[in-house]
Amino acid sequence: MNKILAMVLAGLLLVVSGGSLAQDSVYWVDRFSMDKVKEGVPHGWKLEIKEGEPELQVVKEGEGVFVRFKSDKSSFGLRKEFDLDIKEFPFLNWKWKVTQLPEKGDFRDKETDDQAAQVYVLFPRFPARVNSDFLCYYWESNPKNKGLEGPSVAWSKARVIVLQAGKEKLNQWVTEKRNVYEDYKRLFGKEPP
């Protein structure tokens, strides 16, 4: 089995599914719950702070429970590790909603590499995270970036896919489904570790 690390910066739920959608081929990464929260962090997740003060809370909206992130001169995320055979469960599904975009966010330039929301999938390698490959799914500010794929200017081991960009879907829940296995092979040119 491959160990997968999901870092989530927005989301209602995360689901990894197999090739078919039969109930037994679904691995629930999380269905966030209001009663299993410590200082805004859902049970089973770890808060990682890069800089600044994190602002996050688990909230309920309609039938769903999600983690709300607010960032003002800060960089942080949630991390959850799990073992999973990426060939057996290649699909990652999630919902995200963005209410505000960074003014000049654009992943292609180190000076403006700032996104409204991100979901990372890490493929760990020994001995440390610095040797690991990342897939990065972004919600960008610049609408012209939608659909762009390529290497990250911040990390040589990271590949970016811009799924959403611009204001068109602001304040709306957007459902994403990605074949992480195929995305990895296409962007790294090799089988996942």
N, C-alpha and C. Protein backbone atom coordinates (compact mmCIF):
# COMPACT_ATOMS: atom_id res chain seq x y z
N MET A 1 0.83 -1.19 0.00
CA MET A 1 0.00 0.00 0.00
C MET A 1 0.87 1.25 0.00
N ASN A 2 0.38 2.27 -0.63
CA ASN A 2 1.07 3.56 -0.62
C ASN A 2 0.49 4.43 0.48
N LYS A 3 1.35 5.14 1.16
CA LYS A 3 0.87 6.07 2.18
C LYS A 3 0.55 7.37 1.48
N ILE A 4 -0.62 7.89 1.72
CA ILE A 4 -1.06 9.14 1.12
C ILE A 4 -1.26 10.13 2.24
N LEU A 5 -0.91 11.35 1.99
CA LEU A 5 -1.12 12.41 2.96
C LEU A 5 -1.98 13.45 2.28
N ALA A 6 -3.09 13.77 2.88
CA ALA A 6 -3.96 14.81 2.32
C ALA A 6 -3.84 16.05 3.16
N MET A 7 -3.55 17.15 2.52
CA MET A 7 -3.55 18.43 3.20
C MET A 7 -4.70 19.22 2.61
N VAL A 8 -5.59 19.63 3.45
CA VAL A 8 -6.80 20.25 2.98
C VAL A 8 -6.88 21.68 3.46
N LEU A 9 -7.19 22.57 2.56
CA LEU A 9 -7.36 23.96 2.94
C LEU A 9 -8.79 24.43 2.72
N ALA A 10 -9.66 23.55 2.35
CA ALA A 10 -11.08 23.86 2.25
C ALA A 10 -11.79 22.55 2.04
N GLY A 11 -13.03 22.45 2.48
CA GLY A 11 -13.74 21.25 2.12
C GLY A 11 -14.89 20.91 3.00
N LEU A 12 -15.88 20.31 2.42
CA LEU A 12 -17.03 19.80 3.14
C LEU A 12 -16.75 18.35 3.52
N LEU A 13 -16.25 17.61 2.58
CA LEU A 13 -15.90 16.22 2.84
C LEU A 13 -14.87 15.80 1.82
N LEU A 14 -14.14 14.78 2.17
CA LEU A 14 -13.17 14.20 1.26
C LEU A 14 -13.48 12.72 1.14
N VAL A 15 -13.52 12.23 -0.07
CA VAL A 15 -13.80 10.83 -0.32
C VAL A 15 -12.81 10.32 -1.34
N VAL A 16 -12.22 9.17 -1.07
CA VAL A 16 -11.39 8.50 -2.06
C VAL A 16 -12.19 7.30 -2.51
N SER A 17 -12.34 7.13 -3.83
CA SER A 17 -13.16 6.02 -4.31
C SER A 17 -12.42 5.20 -5.35
N GLY A 18 -12.88 3.95 -5.47
CA GLY A 18 -12.31 3.06 -6.45
C GLY A 18 -12.90 3.32 -7.82
N GLY A 19 -12.57 2.44 -8.76
CA GLY A 19 -13.02 2.62 -10.13
C GLY A 19 -14.53 2.62 -10.28
N SER A 20 -15.23 1.84 -9.47
CA SER A 20 -16.69 1.87 -9.48
C SER A 20 -17.15 2.63 -8.25
N LEU A 21 -18.39 3.01 -8.23
CA LEU A 21 -18.89 3.77 -7.08
C LEU A 21 -19.69 2.92 -6.12
N ALA A 22 -19.46 1.61 -6.13
CA ALA A 22 -20.11 0.76 -5.14
C ALA A 22 -19.69 1.20 -3.75
N GLN A 23 -20.60 1.11 -2.79
CA GLN A 23 -20.34 1.62 -1.44
C GLN A 23 -19.08 1.01 -0.83
N ASP A 24 -18.81 -0.28 -1.10
CA ASP A 24 -17.64 -0.90 -0.49
C ASP A 24 -16.33 -0.47 -1.15
N SER A 25 -16.38 0.29 -2.23
CA SER A 25 -15.16 0.76 -2.87
C SER A 25 -14.88 2.22 -2.55
N VAL A 26 -15.48 2.71 -1.48
CA VAL A 26 -15.29 4.10 -1.06
C VAL A 26 -14.53 4.13 0.27
N TYR A 27 -13.49 4.95 0.34
CA TYR A 27 -12.75 5.17 1.57
C TYR A 27 -13.02 6.61 1.98
N TRP A 28 -13.71 6.80 3.08
CA TRP A 28 -14.02 8.15 3.54
C TRP A 28 -12.81 8.72 4.27
N VAL A 29 -12.21 9.75 3.71
CA VAL A 29 -11.11 10.42 4.39
C VAL A 29 -11.68 11.13 5.61
N ASP A 30 -12.81 11.78 5.44
CA ASP A 30 -13.47 12.42 6.58
C ASP A 30 -14.87 12.87 6.22
N ARG A 31 -15.74 12.80 7.20
CA ARG A 31 -17.04 13.46 7.20
C ARG A 31 -16.99 14.30 8.46
N PHE A 32 -16.64 15.54 8.30
CA PHE A 32 -16.41 16.39 9.47
C PHE A 32 -17.60 16.39 10.40
N SER A 33 -17.32 16.46 11.70
CA SER A 33 -18.34 16.41 12.74
C SER A 33 -18.17 17.60 13.68
N MET A 34 -19.28 18.14 14.13
CA MET A 34 -19.25 19.29 15.04
C MET A 34 -18.74 18.90 16.43
N ASP A 35 -18.93 17.66 16.84
CA ASP A 35 -18.62 17.29 18.22
C ASP A 35 -17.20 16.74 18.40
N LYS A 36 -16.43 16.63 17.35
CA LYS A 36 -15.06 16.10 17.48
C LYS A 36 -14.06 17.15 17.02
N VAL A 37 -14.06 18.27 17.73
CA VAL A 37 -13.22 19.40 17.34
C VAL A 37 -12.45 19.89 18.55
N LYS A 38 -11.15 20.16 18.37
CA LYS A 38 -10.34 20.74 19.43
C LYS A 38 -9.66 21.98 18.87
N GLU A 39 -10.01 23.14 19.39
CA GLU A 39 -9.45 24.42 18.95
C GLU A 39 -9.59 24.62 17.45
N GLY A 40 -10.75 24.23 16.90
CA GLY A 40 -11.02 24.41 15.48
C GLY A 40 -10.51 23.31 14.58
N VAL A 41 -9.76 22.36 15.13
CA VAL A 41 -9.15 21.30 14.33
C VAL A 41 -9.99 20.03 14.47
N PRO A 42 -10.47 19.48 13.35
CA PRO A 42 -11.26 18.24 13.41
C PRO A 42 -10.43 17.07 13.94
N HIS A 43 -11.10 16.16 14.63
CA HIS A 43 -10.46 14.96 15.17
C HIS A 43 -9.76 14.20 14.04
N GLY A 44 -8.52 13.78 14.30
CA GLY A 44 -7.78 13.00 13.32
C GLY A 44 -6.94 13.82 12.36
N TRP A 45 -7.04 15.14 12.44
CA TRP A 45 -6.28 16.04 11.58
C TRP A 45 -5.24 16.78 12.42
N LYS A 46 -4.17 17.22 11.77
CA LYS A 46 -3.13 18.01 12.44
C LYS A 46 -3.04 19.37 11.77
N LEU A 47 -2.94 20.39 12.59
CA LEU A 47 -2.78 21.74 12.09
C LEU A 47 -1.31 22.00 11.82
N GLU A 48 -1.00 22.46 10.62
CA GLU A 48 0.37 22.83 10.26
C GLU A 48 0.40 24.32 9.95
N ILE A 49 1.23 25.04 10.68
CA ILE A 49 1.32 26.50 10.53
C ILE A 49 2.66 26.84 9.89
N LYS A 50 2.60 27.51 8.76
CA LYS A 50 3.82 27.97 8.09
C LYS A 50 4.18 29.37 8.59
N GLU A 51 3.18 30.25 8.69
CA GLU A 51 3.41 31.59 9.22
C GLU A 51 2.09 32.22 9.63
N GLY A 52 2.16 33.18 10.53
CA GLY A 52 0.97 33.91 10.97
C GLY A 52 0.09 33.13 11.92
N GLU A 53 -1.07 33.69 12.20
CA GLU A 53 -2.05 33.08 13.10
C GLU A 53 -3.14 32.39 12.31
N PRO A 54 -3.35 31.09 12.52
CA PRO A 54 -4.42 30.41 11.80
C PRO A 54 -5.79 30.77 12.36
N GLU A 55 -6.75 30.91 11.47
CA GLU A 55 -8.15 31.09 11.86
C GLU A 55 -8.94 30.00 11.17
N LEU A 56 -9.44 29.04 11.94
CA LEU A 56 -10.26 28.00 11.36
C LEU A 56 -11.29 27.53 12.37
N GLN A 57 -12.39 27.06 11.85
CA GLN A 57 -13.44 26.52 12.71
C GLN A 57 -14.28 25.55 11.91
N VAL A 58 -14.82 24.57 12.61
CA VAL A 58 -15.74 23.62 12.00
C VAL A 58 -17.14 24.21 12.16
N VAL A 59 -17.85 24.32 11.04
CA VAL A 59 -19.18 24.93 11.05
C VAL A 59 -20.15 24.07 10.25
N LYS A 60 -21.43 24.28 10.53
CA LYS A 60 -22.49 23.56 9.83
C LYS A 60 -23.20 24.52 8.89
N GLU A 61 -23.44 24.06 7.67
CA GLU A 61 -24.20 24.84 6.70
C GLU A 61 -25.16 23.88 6.00
N GLY A 62 -26.44 24.09 6.19
CA GLY A 62 -27.42 23.16 5.63
C GLY A 62 -27.23 21.79 6.23
N GLU A 63 -27.10 20.78 5.38
CA GLU A 63 -26.89 19.41 5.84
C GLU A 63 -25.41 19.07 6.04
N GLY A 64 -24.54 19.96 5.63
CA GLY A 64 -23.11 19.64 5.66
C GLY A 64 -22.35 20.32 6.77
N VAL A 65 -21.27 19.68 7.17
CA VAL A 65 -20.32 20.23 8.13
C VAL A 65 -19.00 20.40 7.39
N PHE A 66 -18.37 21.54 7.58
CA PHE A 66 -17.13 21.80 6.86
C PHE A 66 -16.18 22.59 7.73
N VAL A 67 -14.94 22.71 7.26
CA VAL A 67 -13.93 23.50 7.96
C VAL A 67 -13.79 24.83 7.24
N ARG A 68 -13.97 25.91 7.99
CA ARG A 68 -13.83 27.25 7.43
C ARG A 68 -12.45 27.78 7.79
N PHE A 69 -11.73 28.24 6.77
CA PHE A 69 -10.40 28.83 6.93
C PHE A 69 -10.48 30.31 6.61
N LYS A 70 -9.79 31.10 7.40
CA LYS A 70 -9.64 32.52 7.10
C LYS A 70 -8.16 32.84 7.24
N SER A 71 -7.61 33.46 6.21
CA SER A 71 -6.19 33.75 6.20
C SER A 71 -5.96 35.23 5.95
N ASP A 72 -5.25 35.86 6.87
CA ASP A 72 -4.85 37.25 6.72
C ASP A 72 -3.37 37.32 7.09
N LYS A 73 -2.53 37.37 6.08
CA LYS A 73 -1.07 37.36 6.30
C LYS A 73 -0.65 36.10 7.05
N SER A 74 -1.27 34.99 6.69
CA SER A 74 -0.93 33.72 7.33
C SER A 74 -0.96 32.60 6.30
N SER A 75 -0.30 31.51 6.65
CA SER A 75 -0.26 30.33 5.80
C SER A 75 -0.32 29.11 6.70
N PHE A 76 -1.35 28.30 6.52
CA PHE A 76 -1.54 27.13 7.36
C PHE A 76 -2.43 26.13 6.64
N GLY A 77 -2.50 24.93 7.17
CA GLY A 77 -3.35 23.91 6.58
C GLY A 77 -3.60 22.79 7.56
N LEU A 78 -4.48 21.89 7.16
CA LEU A 78 -4.76 20.68 7.92
C LEU A 78 -4.14 19.51 7.19
N ARG A 79 -3.67 18.54 7.96
CA ARG A 79 -3.01 17.37 7.39
C ARG A 79 -3.58 16.11 8.02
N LYS A 80 -3.78 15.10 7.16
CA LYS A 80 -4.23 13.80 7.65
C LYS A 80 -3.52 12.72 6.84
N GLU A 81 -2.95 11.75 7.54
CA GLU A 81 -2.25 10.65 6.88
C GLU A 81 -3.12 9.41 6.89
N PHE A 82 -3.02 8.65 5.79
CA PHE A 82 -3.70 7.36 5.74
C PHE A 82 -3.01 6.49 4.69
N ASP A 83 -3.07 5.17 4.90
CA ASP A 83 -2.50 4.21 3.96
C ASP A 83 -3.58 3.81 2.97
N LEU A 84 -3.21 3.84 1.69
CA LEU A 84 -4.20 3.55 0.66
C LEU A 84 -3.48 3.08 -0.60
N ASP A 85 -4.04 2.10 -1.26
CA ASP A 85 -3.51 1.68 -2.56
C ASP A 85 -4.11 2.59 -3.61
N ILE A 86 -3.29 3.49 -4.15
CA ILE A 86 -3.77 4.52 -5.07
C ILE A 86 -4.29 3.92 -6.38
N LYS A 87 -3.84 2.73 -6.73
CA LYS A 87 -4.36 2.07 -7.93
C LYS A 87 -5.78 1.54 -7.69
N GLU A 88 -6.02 1.10 -6.46
CA GLU A 88 -7.35 0.57 -6.12
C GLU A 88 -8.35 1.70 -5.86
N PHE A 89 -7.88 2.80 -5.27
CA PHE A 89 -8.71 3.95 -4.94
C PHE A 89 -8.13 5.21 -5.60
N PRO A 90 -8.28 5.36 -6.91
CA PRO A 90 -7.62 6.47 -7.59
C PRO A 90 -8.33 7.81 -7.50
N PHE A 91 -9.60 7.81 -7.14
CA PHE A 91 -10.38 9.06 -7.20
C PHE A 91 -10.44 9.77 -5.86
N LEU A 92 -10.19 11.06 -5.88
CA LEU A 92 -10.35 11.92 -4.70
C LEU A 92 -11.49 12.89 -5.02
N ASN A 93 -12.48 12.92 -4.13
CA ASN A 93 -13.64 13.79 -4.30
C ASN A 93 -13.71 14.75 -3.13
N TRP A 94 -14.06 16.00 -3.38
CA TRP A 94 -14.26 16.96 -2.31
C TRP A 94 -15.14 18.11 -2.80
N LYS A 95 -15.62 18.88 -1.84
CA LYS A 95 -16.37 20.10 -2.13
C LYS A 95 -15.62 21.25 -1.49
N TRP A 96 -15.60 22.39 -2.18
CA TRP A 96 -14.97 23.58 -1.62
C TRP A 96 -15.73 24.81 -2.05
N LYS A 97 -15.60 25.83 -1.24
CA LYS A 97 -16.25 27.11 -1.53
C LYS A 97 -15.28 28.22 -1.15
N VAL A 98 -15.16 29.20 -2.02
CA VAL A 98 -14.29 30.35 -1.78
C VAL A 98 -15.16 31.60 -1.75
N THR A 99 -14.91 32.46 -0.76
CA THR A 99 -15.69 33.70 -0.65
C THR A 99 -14.88 34.93 -1.01
N GLN A 100 -13.56 34.80 -1.04
CA GLN A 100 -12.70 35.93 -1.37
C GLN A 100 -11.41 35.41 -2.00
N LEU A 101 -10.90 36.15 -2.99
CA LEU A 101 -9.68 35.76 -3.68
C LEU A 101 -8.51 36.65 -3.28
N PRO A 102 -7.29 36.10 -3.23
CA PRO A 102 -6.13 36.96 -3.04
C PRO A 102 -6.04 37.93 -4.23
N GLU A 103 -5.57 39.13 -3.97
CA GLU A 103 -5.58 40.17 -5.00
C GLU A 103 -4.84 39.79 -6.28
N LYS A 104 -3.65 39.25 -6.15
CA LYS A 104 -2.85 38.95 -7.35
C LYS A 104 -2.33 37.52 -7.34
N GLY A 105 -3.10 36.59 -6.85
CA GLY A 105 -2.62 35.22 -6.76
C GLY A 105 -2.38 34.58 -8.11
N ASP A 106 -1.17 34.04 -8.30
CA ASP A 106 -0.80 33.34 -9.53
C ASP A 106 0.36 32.40 -9.21
N PHE A 107 0.11 31.09 -9.31
CA PHE A 107 1.11 30.10 -8.90
C PHE A 107 2.37 30.10 -9.75
N ARG A 108 2.35 30.74 -10.90
CA ARG A 108 3.50 30.71 -11.81
C ARG A 108 4.61 31.67 -11.42
N ASP A 109 4.36 32.53 -10.43
CA ASP A 109 5.34 33.53 -10.01
C ASP A 109 5.50 33.45 -8.49
N LYS A 110 6.75 33.29 -8.01
CA LYS A 110 6.98 33.16 -6.56
C LYS A 110 6.43 34.34 -5.77
N GLU A 111 6.48 35.53 -6.34
CA GLU A 111 6.02 36.74 -5.65
C GLU A 111 4.50 36.77 -5.48
N THR A 112 3.77 36.09 -6.35
CA THR A 112 2.30 36.13 -6.29
C THR A 112 1.70 34.74 -6.05
N ASP A 113 2.51 33.79 -5.63
CA ASP A 113 2.05 32.41 -5.42
C ASP A 113 1.17 32.35 -4.17
N ASP A 114 -0.10 32.65 -4.36
CA ASP A 114 -1.07 32.71 -3.27
C ASP A 114 -2.43 32.30 -3.83
N GLN A 115 -3.07 31.32 -3.20
CA GLN A 115 -4.34 30.81 -3.69
C GLN A 115 -5.44 31.00 -2.65
N ALA A 116 -6.67 31.00 -3.14
CA ALA A 116 -7.82 31.09 -2.24
C ALA A 116 -8.04 29.76 -1.53
N ALA A 117 -7.79 28.65 -2.21
CA ALA A 117 -7.96 27.33 -1.60
C ALA A 117 -7.03 26.35 -2.29
N GLN A 118 -6.62 25.35 -1.53
CA GLN A 118 -5.69 24.34 -2.03
C GLN A 118 -6.03 22.99 -1.41
N VAL A 119 -5.86 21.94 -2.18
CA VAL A 119 -5.90 20.58 -1.67
C VAL A 119 -4.62 19.92 -2.17
N TYR A 120 -3.83 19.38 -1.24
CA TYR A 120 -2.57 18.73 -1.58
C TYR A 120 -2.70 17.23 -1.35
N VAL A 121 -2.07 16.46 -2.21
CA VAL A 121 -1.91 15.03 -2.00
C VAL A 121 -0.41 14.77 -2.05
N LEU A 122 0.11 14.21 -0.97
CA LEU A 122 1.54 13.96 -0.83
C LEU A 122 1.82 12.48 -1.02
N PHE A 123 2.86 12.18 -1.76
CA PHE A 123 3.31 10.81 -1.96
C PHE A 123 4.64 10.68 -1.24
N PRO A 124 4.62 10.24 0.03
CA PRO A 124 5.83 10.24 0.86
C PRO A 124 6.93 9.34 0.33
N ARG A 125 8.14 9.83 0.51
CA ARG A 125 9.34 9.07 0.20
C ARG A 125 10.27 9.17 1.40
N PHE A 126 11.06 8.14 1.59
CA PHE A 126 12.02 8.12 2.68
C PHE A 126 13.22 8.97 2.27
N PRO A 127 13.86 9.69 3.16
CA PRO A 127 13.67 9.72 4.60
C PRO A 127 12.80 10.88 5.07
N ALA A 128 12.45 11.80 4.20
CA ALA A 128 11.74 12.97 4.70
C ALA A 128 10.81 13.53 3.65
N ARG A 129 9.95 14.44 4.11
CA ARG A 129 8.99 15.08 3.23
C ARG A 129 9.67 15.83 2.08
N VAL A 130 10.90 16.29 2.27
CA VAL A 130 11.59 17.03 1.21
C VAL A 130 11.84 16.16 -0.02
N ASN A 131 11.81 14.85 0.15
CA ASN A 131 11.98 13.93 -0.98
C ASN A 131 10.66 13.49 -1.58
N SER A 132 9.56 13.95 -1.02
CA SER A 132 8.23 13.49 -1.43
C SER A 132 7.67 14.33 -2.58
N ASP A 133 6.86 13.67 -3.40
CA ASP A 133 6.16 14.36 -4.48
C ASP A 133 4.80 14.84 -3.99
N PHE A 134 4.36 16.00 -4.51
CA PHE A 134 3.07 16.57 -4.16
C PHE A 134 2.24 16.79 -5.42
N LEU A 135 0.95 16.51 -5.34
CA LEU A 135 -0.01 17.01 -6.32
C LEU A 135 -0.76 18.13 -5.62
N CYS A 136 -0.91 19.26 -6.29
CA CYS A 136 -1.54 20.44 -5.70
C CYS A 136 -2.73 20.84 -6.55
N TYR A 137 -3.91 20.83 -5.97
CA TYR A 137 -5.13 21.26 -6.66
C TYR A 137 -5.48 22.64 -6.14
N TYR A 138 -5.57 23.62 -7.04
CA TYR A 138 -5.69 25.03 -6.64
C TYR A 138 -6.98 25.67 -7.12
N TRP A 139 -7.41 26.67 -6.34
CA TRP A 139 -8.41 27.65 -6.74
C TRP A 139 -7.64 28.96 -6.81
N GLU A 140 -7.39 29.45 -8.02
CA GLU A 140 -6.55 30.62 -8.29
C GLU A 140 -7.38 31.90 -8.44
N SER A 141 -6.72 33.03 -8.33
CA SER A 141 -7.37 34.33 -8.54
C SER A 141 -7.56 34.66 -10.01
N ASN A 142 -6.54 34.42 -10.81
CA ASN A 142 -6.56 34.80 -12.22
C ASN A 142 -7.41 33.83 -13.04
N PRO A 143 -8.55 34.28 -13.61
CA PRO A 143 -9.41 33.37 -14.36
C PRO A 143 -8.73 32.74 -15.57
N LYS A 144 -7.69 33.37 -16.09
CA LYS A 144 -6.97 32.82 -17.24
C LYS A 144 -6.16 31.58 -16.87
N ASN A 145 -5.96 31.34 -15.59
CA ASN A 145 -5.17 30.19 -15.15
C ASN A 145 -5.97 28.90 -15.06
N LYS A 146 -7.30 28.96 -15.17
CA LYS A 146 -8.11 27.75 -15.04
C LYS A 146 -7.66 26.72 -16.06
N GLY A 147 -7.42 25.51 -15.57
CA GLY A 147 -7.00 24.42 -16.44
C GLY A 147 -5.49 24.29 -16.60
N LEU A 148 -4.74 25.26 -16.12
CA LEU A 148 -3.28 25.18 -16.23
C LEU A 148 -2.73 24.06 -15.35
N GLU A 149 -1.69 23.44 -15.83
CA GLU A 149 -0.99 22.40 -15.08
C GLU A 149 0.50 22.63 -15.24
N GLY A 150 1.25 22.27 -14.22
CA GLY A 150 2.69 22.39 -14.35
C GLY A 150 3.41 22.36 -13.03
N PRO A 151 4.73 22.53 -13.07
CA PRO A 151 5.52 22.51 -11.84
C PRO A 151 5.26 23.74 -10.98
N SER A 152 5.38 23.56 -9.70
CA SER A 152 5.25 24.66 -8.75
C SER A 152 6.55 25.46 -8.73
N VAL A 153 6.42 26.79 -8.63
CA VAL A 153 7.63 27.62 -8.49
C VAL A 153 8.16 27.56 -7.06
N ALA A 154 7.32 27.12 -6.12
CA ALA A 154 7.72 27.06 -4.72
C ALA A 154 8.44 25.76 -4.37
N TRP A 155 8.02 24.62 -4.96
CA TRP A 155 8.59 23.32 -4.63
C TRP A 155 8.89 22.55 -5.91
N SER A 156 10.11 22.11 -6.06
CA SER A 156 10.48 21.37 -7.27
C SER A 156 9.79 20.02 -7.36
N LYS A 157 9.38 19.46 -6.23
CA LYS A 157 8.73 18.15 -6.21
C LYS A 157 7.21 18.24 -6.30
N ALA A 158 6.68 19.44 -6.55
CA ALA A 158 5.22 19.63 -6.59
C ALA A 158 4.76 19.93 -8.01
N ARG A 159 3.57 19.40 -8.34
CA ARG A 159 2.92 19.69 -9.61
C ARG A 159 1.54 20.25 -9.31
N VAL A 160 1.17 21.28 -10.05
CA VAL A 160 -0.05 22.04 -9.79
C VAL A 160 -1.08 21.79 -10.89
N ILE A 161 -2.34 21.68 -10.48
CA ILE A 161 -3.47 21.67 -11.41
C ILE A 161 -4.45 22.73 -10.91
N VAL A 162 -4.73 23.72 -11.74
CA VAL A 162 -5.68 24.77 -11.37
C VAL A 162 -7.07 24.32 -11.80
N LEU A 163 -7.89 23.96 -10.82
CA LEU A 163 -9.24 23.47 -11.10
C LEU A 163 -10.25 24.60 -11.21
N GLN A 164 -10.11 25.61 -10.37
CA GLN A 164 -11.02 26.76 -10.38
C GLN A 164 -10.17 28.02 -10.40
N ALA A 165 -10.70 29.07 -11.00
CA ALA A 165 -9.96 30.33 -11.05
C ALA A 165 -10.93 31.48 -11.28
N GLY A 166 -10.67 32.58 -10.62
CA GLY A 166 -11.49 33.77 -10.81
C GLY A 166 -12.74 33.77 -9.95
N LYS A 167 -13.60 34.74 -10.23
CA LYS A 167 -14.77 35.02 -9.39
C LYS A 167 -16.05 34.30 -9.82
N GLU A 168 -16.03 33.61 -10.95
CA GLU A 168 -17.25 33.03 -11.51
C GLU A 168 -18.03 32.17 -10.51
N LYS A 169 -17.33 31.39 -9.69
CA LYS A 169 -18.02 30.48 -8.76
C LYS A 169 -17.82 30.86 -7.30
N LEU A 170 -17.47 32.13 -7.06
CA LEU A 170 -17.35 32.59 -5.67
C LEU A 170 -18.66 32.38 -4.93
N ASN A 171 -18.56 32.02 -3.65
CA ASN A 171 -19.71 31.81 -2.77
C ASN A 171 -20.60 30.64 -3.18
N GLN A 172 -20.07 29.72 -3.98
CA GLN A 172 -20.81 28.53 -4.38
C GLN A 172 -20.00 27.29 -3.99
N TRP A 173 -20.70 26.26 -3.54
CA TRP A 173 -20.02 24.99 -3.32
C TRP A 173 -19.73 24.37 -4.67
N VAL A 174 -18.50 23.95 -4.87
CA VAL A 174 -18.08 23.32 -6.12
C VAL A 174 -17.56 21.93 -5.78
N THR A 175 -18.09 20.93 -6.47
CA THR A 175 -17.67 19.55 -6.26
C THR A 175 -16.57 19.20 -7.25
N GLU A 176 -15.52 18.58 -6.74
CA GLU A 176 -14.39 18.16 -7.57
C GLU A 176 -14.23 16.65 -7.46
N LYS A 177 -13.82 16.04 -8.56
CA LYS A 177 -13.47 14.61 -8.57
C LYS A 177 -12.24 14.47 -9.45
N ARG A 178 -11.16 14.00 -8.87
CA ARG A 178 -9.90 13.87 -9.60
C ARG A 178 -9.40 12.43 -9.52
N ASN A 179 -8.88 11.95 -10.64
CA ASN A 179 -8.19 10.67 -10.65
C ASN A 179 -6.73 10.97 -10.30
N VAL A 180 -6.41 10.86 -9.03
CA VAL A 180 -5.10 11.23 -8.51
C VAL A 180 -4.00 10.36 -9.13
N TYR A 181 -4.31 9.09 -9.33
CA TYR A 181 -3.34 8.17 -9.94
C TYR A 181 -2.96 8.65 -11.34
N GLU A 182 -3.95 8.96 -12.17
CA GLU A 182 -3.67 9.42 -13.54
C GLU A 182 -3.03 10.81 -13.54
N ASP A 183 -3.48 11.70 -12.65
CA ASP A 183 -2.86 13.03 -12.56
C ASP A 183 -1.38 12.90 -12.24
N TYR A 184 -1.05 12.02 -11.30
CA TYR A 184 0.35 11.83 -10.91
C TYR A 184 1.17 11.32 -12.10
N LYS A 185 0.69 10.28 -12.76
CA LYS A 185 1.43 9.71 -13.89
C LYS A 185 1.64 10.75 -14.99
N ARG A 186 0.61 11.52 -15.29
CA ARG A 186 0.70 12.52 -16.35
C ARG A 186 1.70 13.63 -16.00
N LEU A 187 1.63 14.13 -14.77
CA LEU A 187 2.45 15.29 -14.40
C LEU A 187 3.88 14.94 -13.99
N PHE A 188 4.08 13.74 -13.46
CA PHE A 188 5.43 13.34 -13.05
C PHE A 188 6.10 12.40 -14.06
N GLY A 189 5.30 11.85 -14.98
CA GLY A 189 5.87 10.98 -16.01
C GLY A 189 6.35 9.64 -15.49
N LYS A 190 5.75 9.17 -14.39
CA LYS A 190 6.15 7.88 -13.81
C LYS A 190 5.03 7.37 -12.91
N GLU A 191 5.17 6.14 -12.45
CA GLU A 191 4.21 5.55 -11.52
C GLU A 191 4.39 6.20 -10.14
N PRO A 192 3.29 6.34 -9.38
CA PRO A 192 3.43 6.86 -8.01
C PRO A 192 4.27 5.91 -7.16
N PRO A 193 4.97 6.46 -6.16
CA PRO A 193 5.79 5.60 -5.28
C PRO A 193 4.93 4.67 -4.44
